[in-house]
Amino acid sequence: MRRIRALLAQQPQTPQWPQLETLLPAEQDVLLRVIHSGGDITLAADLRWSPQACTAGQAALAAGATVLTDTAMAVAAVAPMARRTFGNSVRSVLEWAPEQAPPGSTRAAAGMERALSELSGAVVLIGSAPTALEQLLELVASGGTPAPALVIGMPVGFVGVAESKRHLEASGVPQIRLEGSRGGAGLVAAAANALLRRAWLDRAEP
């Protein structure tokens, strides 16, 4: 992490590049872990969060909120840290997904709708399926479900990805997102694990 800190310090002093000393400890942790997981210092220029998003995520995780993801890979990456900290349940929307995608939709989107009908106050990780993110945002906007405690929105790819991230930005939902086409299960898991670890360390302080 020292190497990443040194590389960040060498970047130009522009609004696109976050300055570590201006960030909350949890925001610093998320930034460093995402860069470490992705192996790419330029991820820092695309990482965004709404005000107090990390604080909200920490509080929810410390209270035992379910972590809801869009892939089994993210489940596998977050579950060990959850077990070592607050014992949060870590689940995938695919547990609720139908065998076949509904017409005009996807299994992930259908699974998201069903999962949110059962889970309240979850921390939601989207690293693959922009359709699942769009479904979540539509449900929140329509009043069909309360907003999650936090959405970590980093779907990866070129089809519907940038649009879904723009919609997330405009939604007002507490969020951490990665602009552009980059993302993935590893990056959302890194962000979630950073929040779990920071919340656990803060809890242990006298």
N, C-alpha and C. Protein backbone atom coordinates (compact mmCIF):
# COMPACT_ATOMS: atom_id res chain seq x y z
N MET A 1 0.82 -1.20 0.00
CA MET A 1 0.00 0.00 0.00
C MET A 1 0.86 1.26 0.00
N ARG A 2 2.06 1.17 0.58
CA ARG A 2 2.95 2.34 0.56
C ARG A 2 3.29 2.74 -0.87
N ARG A 3 3.49 1.73 -1.72
CA ARG A 3 3.82 2.01 -3.12
C ARG A 3 2.67 2.73 -3.81
N ILE A 4 1.44 2.29 -3.55
CA ILE A 4 0.27 2.95 -4.15
C ILE A 4 0.16 4.38 -3.65
N ARG A 5 0.38 4.58 -2.36
CA ARG A 5 0.33 5.94 -1.81
C ARG A 5 1.36 6.83 -2.49
N ALA A 6 2.55 6.29 -2.71
CA ALA A 6 3.60 7.08 -3.35
C ALA A 6 3.24 7.42 -4.78
N LEU A 7 2.65 6.47 -5.50
CA LEU A 7 2.24 6.73 -6.88
C LEU A 7 1.14 7.78 -6.95
N LEU A 8 0.19 7.71 -6.01
CA LEU A 8 -0.88 8.71 -5.99
C LEU A 8 -0.32 10.10 -5.72
N ALA A 9 0.69 10.19 -4.86
CA ALA A 9 1.28 11.48 -4.54
C ALA A 9 1.98 12.11 -5.74
N GLN A 10 2.34 11.28 -6.73
CA GLN A 10 3.02 11.79 -7.92
C GLN A 10 2.05 12.27 -9.00
N GLN A 11 0.75 12.03 -8.81
CA GLN A 11 -0.22 12.39 -9.84
C GLN A 11 -0.49 13.89 -9.83
N PRO A 12 -0.95 14.43 -10.95
CA PRO A 12 -1.21 15.87 -11.02
C PRO A 12 -2.28 16.31 -10.03
N GLN A 13 -2.15 17.52 -9.54
CA GLN A 13 -3.10 18.08 -8.58
C GLN A 13 -4.32 18.61 -9.33
N THR A 14 -5.20 17.71 -9.73
CA THR A 14 -6.40 18.08 -10.46
C THR A 14 -7.61 17.46 -9.78
N PRO A 15 -8.82 17.97 -10.05
CA PRO A 15 -10.02 17.40 -9.41
C PRO A 15 -10.23 15.92 -9.76
N GLN A 16 -9.71 15.47 -10.90
CA GLN A 16 -9.91 14.08 -11.30
C GLN A 16 -9.11 13.12 -10.43
N TRP A 17 -8.04 13.61 -9.82
CA TRP A 17 -7.20 12.74 -9.00
C TRP A 17 -7.42 13.05 -7.53
N PRO A 18 -8.01 12.12 -6.78
CA PRO A 18 -8.28 12.38 -5.36
C PRO A 18 -6.98 12.49 -4.57
N GLN A 19 -6.94 13.41 -3.63
CA GLN A 19 -5.81 13.58 -2.74
C GLN A 19 -6.10 12.84 -1.44
N LEU A 20 -5.26 11.87 -1.11
CA LEU A 20 -5.55 11.00 0.02
C LEU A 20 -5.81 11.78 1.31
N GLU A 21 -5.06 12.86 1.52
CA GLU A 21 -5.20 13.58 2.78
C GLU A 21 -6.55 14.26 2.92
N THR A 22 -7.30 14.39 1.83
CA THR A 22 -8.62 15.02 1.89
C THR A 22 -9.73 14.00 2.12
N LEU A 23 -9.40 12.72 2.12
CA LEU A 23 -10.41 11.67 2.21
C LEU A 23 -10.55 11.15 3.63
N LEU A 24 -11.75 10.67 3.95
CA LEU A 24 -11.97 9.97 5.20
C LEU A 24 -11.18 8.66 5.20
N PRO A 25 -10.84 8.11 6.38
CA PRO A 25 -10.09 6.85 6.42
C PRO A 25 -10.73 5.73 5.60
N ALA A 26 -12.05 5.59 5.69
CA ALA A 26 -12.71 4.53 4.93
C ALA A 26 -12.61 4.78 3.43
N GLU A 27 -12.71 6.04 3.02
CA GLU A 27 -12.57 6.38 1.60
C GLU A 27 -11.16 6.07 1.11
N GLN A 28 -10.17 6.37 1.93
CA GLN A 28 -8.80 6.02 1.58
C GLN A 28 -8.66 4.51 1.42
N ASP A 29 -9.23 3.76 2.36
CA ASP A 29 -9.14 2.30 2.29
C ASP A 29 -9.76 1.76 1.01
N VAL A 30 -10.95 2.26 0.66
CA VAL A 30 -11.62 1.81 -0.56
C VAL A 30 -10.77 2.12 -1.78
N LEU A 31 -10.27 3.34 -1.86
CA LEU A 31 -9.45 3.74 -2.99
C LEU A 31 -8.22 2.86 -3.13
N LEU A 32 -7.50 2.65 -2.04
CA LEU A 32 -6.27 1.86 -2.10
C LEU A 32 -6.55 0.41 -2.45
N ARG A 33 -7.61 -0.16 -1.88
CA ARG A 33 -7.92 -1.57 -2.14
C ARG A 33 -8.40 -1.81 -3.56
N VAL A 34 -9.17 -0.86 -4.10
CA VAL A 34 -9.62 -0.99 -5.49
C VAL A 34 -8.42 -0.91 -6.43
N ILE A 35 -7.53 0.03 -6.19
CA ILE A 35 -6.33 0.14 -7.03
C ILE A 35 -5.49 -1.14 -6.92
N HIS A 36 -5.31 -1.62 -5.71
CA HIS A 36 -4.52 -2.83 -5.50
C HIS A 36 -5.14 -4.03 -6.22
N SER A 37 -6.45 -4.17 -6.10
CA SER A 37 -7.13 -5.30 -6.74
C SER A 37 -7.05 -5.22 -8.26
N GLY A 38 -7.20 -3.99 -8.80
CA GLY A 38 -7.18 -3.83 -10.24
C GLY A 38 -5.79 -3.71 -10.84
N GLY A 39 -4.79 -3.46 -9.99
CA GLY A 39 -3.43 -3.31 -10.49
C GLY A 39 -3.26 -2.11 -11.40
N ASP A 40 -4.05 -1.05 -11.15
CA ASP A 40 -4.07 0.08 -12.08
C ASP A 40 -4.28 1.37 -11.30
N ILE A 41 -3.25 2.20 -11.24
CA ILE A 41 -3.33 3.44 -10.49
C ILE A 41 -4.36 4.40 -11.08
N THR A 42 -4.63 4.28 -12.38
CA THR A 42 -5.55 5.22 -13.02
C THR A 42 -7.01 4.99 -12.60
N LEU A 43 -7.30 3.89 -11.92
CA LEU A 43 -8.64 3.69 -11.39
C LEU A 43 -9.02 4.80 -10.41
N ALA A 44 -8.02 5.40 -9.79
CA ALA A 44 -8.29 6.46 -8.82
C ALA A 44 -9.03 7.63 -9.45
N ALA A 45 -8.73 7.92 -10.70
CA ALA A 45 -9.34 9.06 -11.37
C ALA A 45 -10.81 8.83 -11.70
N ASP A 46 -11.25 7.57 -11.68
CA ASP A 46 -12.64 7.25 -12.04
C ASP A 46 -13.50 6.84 -10.86
N LEU A 47 -12.92 6.77 -9.68
CA LEU A 47 -13.68 6.33 -8.51
C LEU A 47 -14.44 7.51 -7.91
N ARG A 48 -15.72 7.30 -7.66
CA ARG A 48 -16.58 8.35 -7.12
C ARG A 48 -17.41 7.78 -5.96
N TRP A 49 -17.79 8.65 -5.03
CA TRP A 49 -18.72 8.26 -3.97
C TRP A 49 -19.58 9.44 -3.61
N SER A 50 -20.79 9.15 -3.20
CA SER A 50 -21.68 10.21 -2.73
C SER A 50 -21.27 10.58 -1.30
N PRO A 51 -21.68 11.77 -0.84
CA PRO A 51 -21.31 12.19 0.52
C PRO A 51 -21.74 11.17 1.57
N GLN A 52 -20.80 10.82 2.43
CA GLN A 52 -21.05 9.91 3.55
C GLN A 52 -21.40 8.49 3.11
N ALA A 53 -21.13 8.15 1.86
CA ALA A 53 -21.45 6.80 1.39
C ALA A 53 -20.69 5.74 2.18
N CYS A 54 -19.40 5.96 2.38
CA CYS A 54 -18.61 4.97 3.11
C CYS A 54 -19.06 4.86 4.56
N THR A 55 -19.41 5.98 5.15
CA THR A 55 -19.91 5.97 6.53
C THR A 55 -21.20 5.17 6.63
N ALA A 56 -22.10 5.37 5.66
CA ALA A 56 -23.36 4.62 5.64
C ALA A 56 -23.11 3.14 5.45
N GLY A 57 -22.19 2.81 4.55
CA GLY A 57 -21.87 1.40 4.31
C GLY A 57 -21.27 0.74 5.54
N GLN A 58 -20.35 1.43 6.19
CA GLN A 58 -19.75 0.89 7.41
C GLN A 58 -20.80 0.63 8.48
N ALA A 59 -21.68 1.60 8.69
CA ALA A 59 -22.70 1.45 9.72
C ALA A 59 -23.61 0.27 9.42
N ALA A 60 -24.01 0.12 8.17
CA ALA A 60 -24.89 -0.99 7.80
C ALA A 60 -24.19 -2.33 8.00
N LEU A 61 -22.95 -2.42 7.57
CA LEU A 61 -22.21 -3.68 7.71
C LEU A 61 -21.99 -4.02 9.18
N ALA A 62 -21.66 -3.00 9.99
CA ALA A 62 -21.46 -3.23 11.42
C ALA A 62 -22.74 -3.69 12.10
N ALA A 63 -23.89 -3.29 11.54
CA ALA A 63 -25.19 -3.70 12.10
C ALA A 63 -25.66 -5.04 11.56
N GLY A 64 -24.85 -5.66 10.69
CA GLY A 64 -25.17 -6.99 10.20
C GLY A 64 -25.92 -7.04 8.89
N ALA A 65 -25.90 -5.96 8.12
CA ALA A 65 -26.63 -5.93 6.85
C ALA A 65 -26.16 -7.05 5.93
N THR A 66 -27.11 -7.58 5.16
CA THR A 66 -26.76 -8.55 4.12
C THR A 66 -25.98 -7.86 3.01
N VAL A 67 -24.97 -8.55 2.50
CA VAL A 67 -24.26 -8.10 1.30
C VAL A 67 -24.86 -8.86 0.13
N LEU A 68 -25.44 -8.13 -0.81
CA LEU A 68 -26.11 -8.72 -1.97
C LEU A 68 -25.30 -8.40 -3.21
N THR A 69 -24.90 -9.43 -3.94
CA THR A 69 -24.06 -9.24 -5.12
C THR A 69 -24.75 -9.77 -6.37
N ASP A 70 -24.15 -9.46 -7.51
CA ASP A 70 -24.72 -9.97 -8.76
C ASP A 70 -23.98 -11.17 -9.32
N THR A 71 -22.94 -11.64 -8.64
CA THR A 71 -22.19 -12.79 -9.13
C THR A 71 -21.74 -13.69 -7.99
N ALA A 72 -21.59 -14.96 -8.29
CA ALA A 72 -21.04 -15.90 -7.32
C ALA A 72 -19.58 -15.58 -7.02
N MET A 73 -18.86 -15.01 -7.99
CA MET A 73 -17.46 -14.66 -7.79
C MET A 73 -17.31 -13.61 -6.69
N ALA A 74 -18.18 -12.61 -6.70
CA ALA A 74 -18.12 -11.60 -5.65
C ALA A 74 -18.49 -12.18 -4.30
N VAL A 75 -19.45 -13.08 -4.28
CA VAL A 75 -19.79 -13.76 -3.03
C VAL A 75 -18.56 -14.45 -2.45
N ALA A 76 -17.85 -15.19 -3.30
CA ALA A 76 -16.68 -15.93 -2.85
C ALA A 76 -15.58 -15.00 -2.36
N ALA A 77 -15.50 -13.80 -2.93
CA ALA A 77 -14.44 -12.87 -2.55
C ALA A 77 -14.75 -12.11 -1.27
N VAL A 78 -16.03 -11.90 -0.96
CA VAL A 78 -16.42 -11.11 0.21
C VAL A 78 -16.71 -11.98 1.43
N ALA A 79 -17.22 -13.18 1.21
CA ALA A 79 -17.66 -14.02 2.32
C ALA A 79 -16.58 -14.26 3.37
N PRO A 80 -15.32 -14.53 3.01
CA PRO A 80 -14.31 -14.75 4.06
C PRO A 80 -14.12 -13.54 4.97
N MET A 81 -14.07 -12.33 4.41
CA MET A 81 -13.93 -11.14 5.25
C MET A 81 -15.16 -10.94 6.12
N ALA A 82 -16.34 -11.21 5.56
CA ALA A 82 -17.56 -11.10 6.36
C ALA A 82 -17.53 -12.05 7.55
N ARG A 83 -17.07 -13.26 7.31
CA ARG A 83 -17.00 -14.24 8.41
C ARG A 83 -16.02 -13.79 9.49
N ARG A 84 -14.91 -13.16 9.09
CA ARG A 84 -13.90 -12.75 10.06
C ARG A 84 -14.29 -11.49 10.83
N THR A 85 -15.31 -10.79 10.36
CA THR A 85 -15.68 -9.54 10.99
C THR A 85 -17.05 -9.63 11.64
N PHE A 86 -18.09 -9.22 10.95
CA PHE A 86 -19.41 -9.10 11.57
C PHE A 86 -20.34 -10.29 11.28
N GLY A 87 -19.87 -11.24 10.50
CA GLY A 87 -20.70 -12.40 10.20
C GLY A 87 -21.85 -12.12 9.26
N ASN A 88 -21.71 -11.09 8.43
CA ASN A 88 -22.78 -10.74 7.50
C ASN A 88 -23.06 -11.88 6.53
N SER A 89 -24.33 -12.06 6.20
CA SER A 89 -24.71 -12.96 5.13
C SER A 89 -24.31 -12.33 3.79
N VAL A 90 -23.69 -13.12 2.93
CA VAL A 90 -23.27 -12.65 1.61
C VAL A 90 -23.95 -13.53 0.57
N ARG A 91 -24.80 -12.91 -0.25
CA ARG A 91 -25.64 -13.68 -1.17
C ARG A 91 -25.63 -13.08 -2.56
N SER A 92 -25.99 -13.90 -3.53
CA SER A 92 -26.06 -13.46 -4.92
C SER A 92 -27.51 -13.37 -5.37
N VAL A 93 -27.81 -12.40 -6.22
CA VAL A 93 -29.16 -12.29 -6.77
C VAL A 93 -29.53 -13.52 -7.57
N LEU A 94 -28.53 -14.27 -8.02
CA LEU A 94 -28.82 -15.47 -8.81
C LEU A 94 -29.54 -16.53 -7.99
N GLU A 95 -29.48 -16.43 -6.64
CA GLU A 95 -30.26 -17.34 -5.80
C GLU A 95 -31.76 -17.14 -6.02
N TRP A 96 -32.15 -15.93 -6.43
CA TRP A 96 -33.56 -15.61 -6.65
C TRP A 96 -33.91 -15.62 -8.14
N ALA A 97 -32.94 -15.83 -9.00
CA ALA A 97 -33.16 -15.71 -10.44
C ALA A 97 -33.92 -16.91 -11.00
N PRO A 98 -34.79 -16.68 -11.97
CA PRO A 98 -35.48 -17.80 -12.62
C PRO A 98 -34.51 -18.59 -13.51
N GLU A 99 -34.91 -19.77 -13.88
CA GLU A 99 -34.06 -20.60 -14.74
C GLU A 99 -33.84 -19.95 -16.10
N GLN A 100 -34.87 -19.30 -16.60
CA GLN A 100 -34.79 -18.63 -17.89
C GLN A 100 -35.04 -17.13 -17.70
N ALA A 101 -34.31 -16.31 -18.46
CA ALA A 101 -34.50 -14.87 -18.37
C ALA A 101 -35.89 -14.50 -18.86
N PRO A 102 -36.60 -13.63 -18.17
CA PRO A 102 -37.90 -13.16 -18.67
C PRO A 102 -37.72 -12.42 -19.99
N PRO A 103 -38.74 -12.37 -20.82
CA PRO A 103 -38.63 -11.63 -22.09
C PRO A 103 -38.23 -10.18 -21.86
N GLY A 104 -37.23 -9.74 -22.58
CA GLY A 104 -36.78 -8.37 -22.48
C GLY A 104 -35.99 -8.03 -21.24
N SER A 105 -35.62 -9.04 -20.45
CA SER A 105 -34.88 -8.80 -19.23
C SER A 105 -33.74 -9.80 -19.12
N THR A 106 -33.14 -9.89 -17.94
CA THR A 106 -32.07 -10.84 -17.69
C THR A 106 -32.33 -11.57 -16.38
N ARG A 107 -31.67 -12.69 -16.19
CA ARG A 107 -31.82 -13.42 -14.94
C ARG A 107 -31.36 -12.57 -13.75
N ALA A 108 -30.28 -11.81 -13.94
CA ALA A 108 -29.77 -10.98 -12.85
C ALA A 108 -30.76 -9.90 -12.45
N ALA A 109 -31.39 -9.27 -13.44
CA ALA A 109 -32.37 -8.23 -13.14
C ALA A 109 -33.58 -8.83 -12.42
N ALA A 110 -34.07 -9.98 -12.91
CA ALA A 110 -35.21 -10.62 -12.25
C ALA A 110 -34.85 -11.04 -10.83
N GLY A 111 -33.64 -11.56 -10.67
CA GLY A 111 -33.19 -11.95 -9.34
C GLY A 111 -33.07 -10.77 -8.41
N MET A 112 -32.62 -9.64 -8.93
CA MET A 112 -32.50 -8.44 -8.11
C MET A 112 -33.87 -8.01 -7.60
N GLU A 113 -34.87 -8.02 -8.46
CA GLU A 113 -36.20 -7.61 -8.03
C GLU A 113 -36.71 -8.50 -6.91
N ARG A 114 -36.55 -9.80 -7.07
CA ARG A 114 -37.04 -10.73 -6.06
C ARG A 114 -36.24 -10.60 -4.76
N ALA A 115 -34.93 -10.45 -4.88
CA ALA A 115 -34.09 -10.35 -3.69
C ALA A 115 -34.43 -9.11 -2.87
N LEU A 116 -34.62 -7.98 -3.55
CA LEU A 116 -34.91 -6.74 -2.83
C LEU A 116 -36.27 -6.77 -2.14
N SER A 117 -37.17 -7.62 -2.65
CA SER A 117 -38.47 -7.74 -1.99
C SER A 117 -38.35 -8.44 -0.64
N GLU A 118 -37.23 -9.15 -0.43
CA GLU A 118 -37.01 -9.87 0.82
C GLU A 118 -35.98 -9.22 1.73
N LEU A 119 -35.07 -8.47 1.14
CA LEU A 119 -33.95 -7.92 1.90
C LEU A 119 -34.10 -6.41 2.02
N SER A 120 -33.99 -5.91 3.21
CA SER A 120 -34.08 -4.47 3.45
C SER A 120 -32.76 -3.98 3.99
N GLY A 121 -32.31 -2.82 3.51
CA GLY A 121 -31.09 -2.22 4.04
C GLY A 121 -29.82 -2.94 3.68
N ALA A 122 -29.82 -3.64 2.55
CA ALA A 122 -28.63 -4.39 2.13
C ALA A 122 -27.55 -3.45 1.61
N VAL A 123 -26.34 -3.97 1.59
CA VAL A 123 -25.24 -3.35 0.85
C VAL A 123 -25.13 -4.13 -0.45
N VAL A 124 -25.36 -3.44 -1.57
CA VAL A 124 -25.50 -4.10 -2.87
C VAL A 124 -24.25 -3.87 -3.70
N LEU A 125 -23.70 -4.96 -4.23
CA LEU A 125 -22.51 -4.90 -5.08
C LEU A 125 -22.87 -5.31 -6.50
N ILE A 126 -22.61 -4.44 -7.46
CA ILE A 126 -22.86 -4.74 -8.87
C ILE A 126 -21.53 -4.62 -9.62
N GLY A 127 -20.97 -5.76 -10.01
CA GLY A 127 -19.71 -5.76 -10.73
C GLY A 127 -19.80 -6.32 -12.12
N SER A 128 -20.97 -6.80 -12.50
CA SER A 128 -21.09 -7.47 -13.79
C SER A 128 -22.31 -7.03 -14.59
N ALA A 129 -23.47 -6.97 -13.94
CA ALA A 129 -24.73 -6.86 -14.67
C ALA A 129 -25.33 -5.47 -14.57
N PRO A 130 -25.17 -4.63 -15.60
CA PRO A 130 -25.84 -3.32 -15.57
C PRO A 130 -27.35 -3.44 -15.52
N THR A 131 -27.90 -4.53 -16.05
CA THR A 131 -29.35 -4.70 -16.00
C THR A 131 -29.85 -4.85 -14.56
N ALA A 132 -29.04 -5.50 -13.71
CA ALA A 132 -29.41 -5.62 -12.30
C ALA A 132 -29.37 -4.26 -11.62
N LEU A 133 -28.39 -3.45 -11.97
CA LEU A 133 -28.31 -2.11 -11.40
C LEU A 133 -29.49 -1.26 -11.85
N GLU A 134 -29.82 -1.34 -13.14
CA GLU A 134 -30.97 -0.57 -13.64
C GLU A 134 -32.26 -1.02 -12.97
N GLN A 135 -32.41 -2.31 -12.75
CA GLN A 135 -33.62 -2.81 -12.08
C GLN A 135 -33.73 -2.26 -10.67
N LEU A 136 -32.62 -2.26 -9.95
CA LEU A 136 -32.60 -1.71 -8.60
C LEU A 136 -33.02 -0.24 -8.62
N LEU A 137 -32.44 0.53 -9.51
CA LEU A 137 -32.73 1.96 -9.56
C LEU A 137 -34.18 2.24 -9.93
N GLU A 138 -34.74 1.44 -10.84
CA GLU A 138 -36.14 1.61 -11.22
C GLU A 138 -37.05 1.31 -10.04
N LEU A 139 -36.74 0.28 -9.28
CA LEU A 139 -37.57 -0.07 -8.13
C LEU A 139 -37.52 1.02 -7.06
N VAL A 140 -36.34 1.55 -6.81
CA VAL A 140 -36.21 2.62 -5.82
C VAL A 140 -36.96 3.87 -6.28
N ALA A 141 -36.79 4.23 -7.55
CA ALA A 141 -37.43 5.44 -8.07
C ALA A 141 -38.95 5.34 -8.04
N SER A 142 -39.49 4.15 -8.26
CA SER A 142 -40.93 3.96 -8.29
C SER A 142 -41.54 3.76 -6.91
N GLY A 143 -40.68 3.65 -5.90
CA GLY A 143 -41.17 3.37 -4.56
C GLY A 143 -41.44 1.91 -4.31
N GLY A 144 -41.00 1.07 -5.24
CA GLY A 144 -41.22 -0.36 -5.09
C GLY A 144 -40.36 -1.00 -4.03
N THR A 145 -39.27 -0.34 -3.66
CA THR A 145 -38.40 -0.85 -2.61
C THR A 145 -37.65 0.33 -2.00
N PRO A 146 -37.33 0.27 -0.71
CA PRO A 146 -36.50 1.33 -0.12
C PRO A 146 -35.09 1.29 -0.73
N ALA A 147 -34.41 2.40 -0.68
CA ALA A 147 -33.03 2.43 -1.16
C ALA A 147 -32.16 1.53 -0.29
N PRO A 148 -31.23 0.80 -0.89
CA PRO A 148 -30.28 0.04 -0.07
C PRO A 148 -29.43 0.96 0.79
N ALA A 149 -28.78 0.40 1.78
CA ALA A 149 -27.88 1.19 2.61
C ALA A 149 -26.74 1.77 1.79
N LEU A 150 -26.28 1.02 0.80
CA LEU A 150 -25.19 1.45 -0.07
C LEU A 150 -25.23 0.61 -1.34
N VAL A 151 -24.95 1.23 -2.46
CA VAL A 151 -24.74 0.52 -3.72
C VAL A 151 -23.31 0.75 -4.17
N ILE A 152 -22.58 -0.33 -4.37
CA ILE A 152 -21.24 -0.24 -4.98
C ILE A 152 -21.43 -0.66 -6.43
N GLY A 153 -21.48 0.34 -7.31
CA GLY A 153 -21.84 0.11 -8.70
C GLY A 153 -20.63 0.18 -9.63
N MET A 154 -20.14 -0.99 -10.03
CA MET A 154 -18.98 -1.05 -10.90
C MET A 154 -19.15 -2.13 -11.97
N PRO A 155 -20.32 -2.14 -12.67
CA PRO A 155 -20.46 -3.13 -13.74
C PRO A 155 -19.40 -2.89 -14.81
N VAL A 156 -18.99 -3.96 -15.46
CA VAL A 156 -17.89 -3.88 -16.42
C VAL A 156 -18.41 -4.17 -17.82
N GLY A 157 -17.86 -3.49 -18.82
CA GLY A 157 -18.22 -3.79 -20.20
C GLY A 157 -18.63 -2.57 -20.98
N PHE A 158 -19.26 -2.81 -22.13
CA PHE A 158 -19.56 -1.73 -23.06
C PHE A 158 -21.05 -1.61 -23.40
N VAL A 159 -21.86 -2.59 -23.00
CA VAL A 159 -23.28 -2.56 -23.33
C VAL A 159 -24.09 -2.16 -22.10
N GLY A 160 -24.60 -0.95 -22.11
CA GLY A 160 -25.45 -0.49 -21.02
C GLY A 160 -24.71 -0.10 -19.75
N VAL A 161 -23.39 -0.24 -19.73
CA VAL A 161 -22.63 -0.02 -18.50
C VAL A 161 -22.53 1.46 -18.16
N ALA A 162 -22.05 2.26 -19.10
CA ALA A 162 -21.89 3.70 -18.81
C ALA A 162 -23.23 4.33 -18.48
N GLU A 163 -24.28 3.91 -19.18
CA GLU A 163 -25.61 4.47 -18.93
C GLU A 163 -26.08 4.12 -17.51
N SER A 164 -25.87 2.89 -17.10
CA SER A 164 -26.32 2.49 -15.77
C SER A 164 -25.58 3.27 -14.68
N LYS A 165 -24.31 3.55 -14.92
CA LYS A 165 -23.54 4.31 -13.94
C LYS A 165 -24.01 5.76 -13.88
N ARG A 166 -24.36 6.32 -15.02
CA ARG A 166 -24.92 7.68 -15.02
C ARG A 166 -26.24 7.72 -14.27
N HIS A 167 -27.06 6.70 -14.46
CA HIS A 167 -28.34 6.64 -13.75
C HIS A 167 -28.11 6.49 -12.25
N LEU A 168 -27.12 5.71 -11.87
CA LEU A 168 -26.79 5.58 -10.46
C LEU A 168 -26.36 6.93 -9.89
N GLU A 169 -25.52 7.64 -10.61
CA GLU A 169 -25.06 8.94 -10.15
C GLU A 169 -26.24 9.88 -9.89
N ALA A 170 -27.22 9.86 -10.77
CA ALA A 170 -28.35 10.78 -10.67
C ALA A 170 -29.42 10.33 -9.68
N SER A 171 -29.30 9.13 -9.17
CA SER A 171 -30.38 8.54 -8.38
C SER A 171 -30.51 9.09 -6.97
N GLY A 172 -29.42 9.58 -6.41
CA GLY A 172 -29.43 9.99 -5.01
C GLY A 172 -29.26 8.85 -4.03
N VAL A 173 -29.12 7.62 -4.54
CA VAL A 173 -28.88 6.46 -3.67
C VAL A 173 -27.44 6.54 -3.13
N PRO A 174 -27.21 6.24 -1.85
CA PRO A 174 -25.84 6.19 -1.36
C PRO A 174 -25.00 5.24 -2.22
N GLN A 175 -23.85 5.72 -2.68
CA GLN A 175 -23.16 4.95 -3.72
C GLN A 175 -21.66 5.15 -3.74
N ILE A 176 -20.99 4.10 -4.17
CA ILE A 176 -19.60 4.15 -4.63
C ILE A 176 -19.63 3.60 -6.04
N ARG A 177 -19.06 4.31 -6.99
CA ARG A 177 -19.13 3.85 -8.36
C ARG A 177 -17.80 4.10 -9.07
N LEU A 178 -17.61 3.37 -10.15
CA LEU A 178 -16.42 3.52 -10.98
C LEU A 178 -16.88 3.94 -12.36
N GLU A 179 -16.51 5.16 -12.76
CA GLU A 179 -16.94 5.69 -14.04
C GLU A 179 -16.34 4.89 -15.20
N GLY A 180 -17.00 4.98 -16.36
CA GLY A 180 -16.46 4.35 -17.56
C GLY A 180 -16.82 2.89 -17.68
N SER A 181 -16.05 2.17 -18.49
CA SER A 181 -16.37 0.77 -18.82
C SER A 181 -15.72 -0.23 -17.87
N ARG A 182 -14.82 0.23 -17.01
CA ARG A 182 -14.11 -0.71 -16.14
C ARG A 182 -14.94 -1.06 -14.91
N GLY A 183 -14.62 -2.19 -14.33
CA GLY A 183 -15.32 -2.66 -13.15
C GLY A 183 -15.05 -4.14 -12.96
N GLY A 184 -16.00 -4.83 -12.37
CA GLY A 184 -15.86 -6.27 -12.21
C GLY A 184 -16.03 -6.73 -10.77
N ALA A 185 -16.19 -8.04 -10.62
CA ALA A 185 -16.43 -8.64 -9.30
C ALA A 185 -15.28 -8.38 -8.35
N GLY A 186 -14.06 -8.45 -8.85
CA GLY A 186 -12.90 -8.24 -7.99
C GLY A 186 -12.86 -6.84 -7.40
N LEU A 187 -13.26 -5.85 -8.18
CA LEU A 187 -13.21 -4.47 -7.70
C LEU A 187 -14.32 -4.16 -6.70
N VAL A 188 -15.54 -4.63 -6.96
CA VAL A 188 -16.60 -4.39 -5.98
C VAL A 188 -16.31 -5.14 -4.69
N ALA A 189 -15.73 -6.34 -4.81
CA ALA A 189 -15.38 -7.09 -3.61
C ALA A 189 -14.29 -6.38 -2.82
N ALA A 190 -13.32 -5.80 -3.52
CA ALA A 190 -12.26 -5.07 -2.83
C ALA A 190 -12.83 -3.89 -2.06
N ALA A 191 -13.78 -3.17 -2.66
CA ALA A 191 -14.40 -2.04 -1.98
C ALA A 191 -15.18 -2.50 -0.75
N ALA A 192 -15.96 -3.56 -0.92
CA ALA A 192 -16.76 -4.06 0.21
C ALA A 192 -15.86 -4.57 1.33
N ASN A 193 -14.80 -5.28 0.99
CA ASN A 193 -13.88 -5.80 2.00
C ASN A 193 -13.18 -4.66 2.74
N ALA A 194 -12.86 -3.58 2.01
CA ALA A 194 -12.24 -2.43 2.66
C ALA A 194 -13.19 -1.83 3.70
N LEU A 195 -14.47 -1.74 3.38
CA LEU A 195 -15.44 -1.19 4.33
C LEU A 195 -15.64 -2.12 5.52
N LEU A 196 -15.71 -3.42 5.26
CA LEU A 196 -15.84 -4.38 6.36
C LEU A 196 -14.64 -4.28 7.30
N ARG A 197 -13.46 -4.24 6.74
CA ARG A 197 -12.24 -4.19 7.55
C ARG A 197 -12.18 -2.88 8.35
N ARG A 198 -12.47 -1.76 7.70
CA ARG A 198 -12.42 -0.48 8.40
C ARG A 198 -13.47 -0.42 9.51
N ALA A 199 -14.68 -0.90 9.24
CA ALA A 199 -15.72 -0.90 10.26
C ALA A 199 -15.32 -1.77 11.45
N TRP A 200 -14.69 -2.88 11.17
CA TRP A 200 -14.25 -3.77 12.24
C TRP A 200 -13.14 -3.14 13.07
N LEU A 201 -12.18 -2.51 12.42
CA LEU A 201 -11.11 -1.84 13.15
C LEU A 201 -11.64 -0.68 13.98
N ASP A 202 -12.57 0.09 13.42
CA ASP A 202 -13.14 1.21 14.16
C ASP A 202 -13.92 0.71 15.37
N ARG A 203 -14.58 -0.43 15.20
CA ARG A 203 -15.35 -1.00 16.30
C ARG A 203 -14.44 -1.43 17.44
N ALA A 204 -13.24 -1.90 17.08
CA ALA A 204 -12.33 -2.43 18.09
C ALA A 204 -11.59 -1.33 18.84
N GLU A 205 -11.66 -0.09 18.35
CA GLU A 205 -10.96 0.99 19.03
C GLU A 205 -11.63 1.31 20.36
N PRO A 206 -10.81 1.59 21.40
CA PRO A 206 -11.40 1.90 22.72
C PRO A 206 -12.13 3.24 22.68
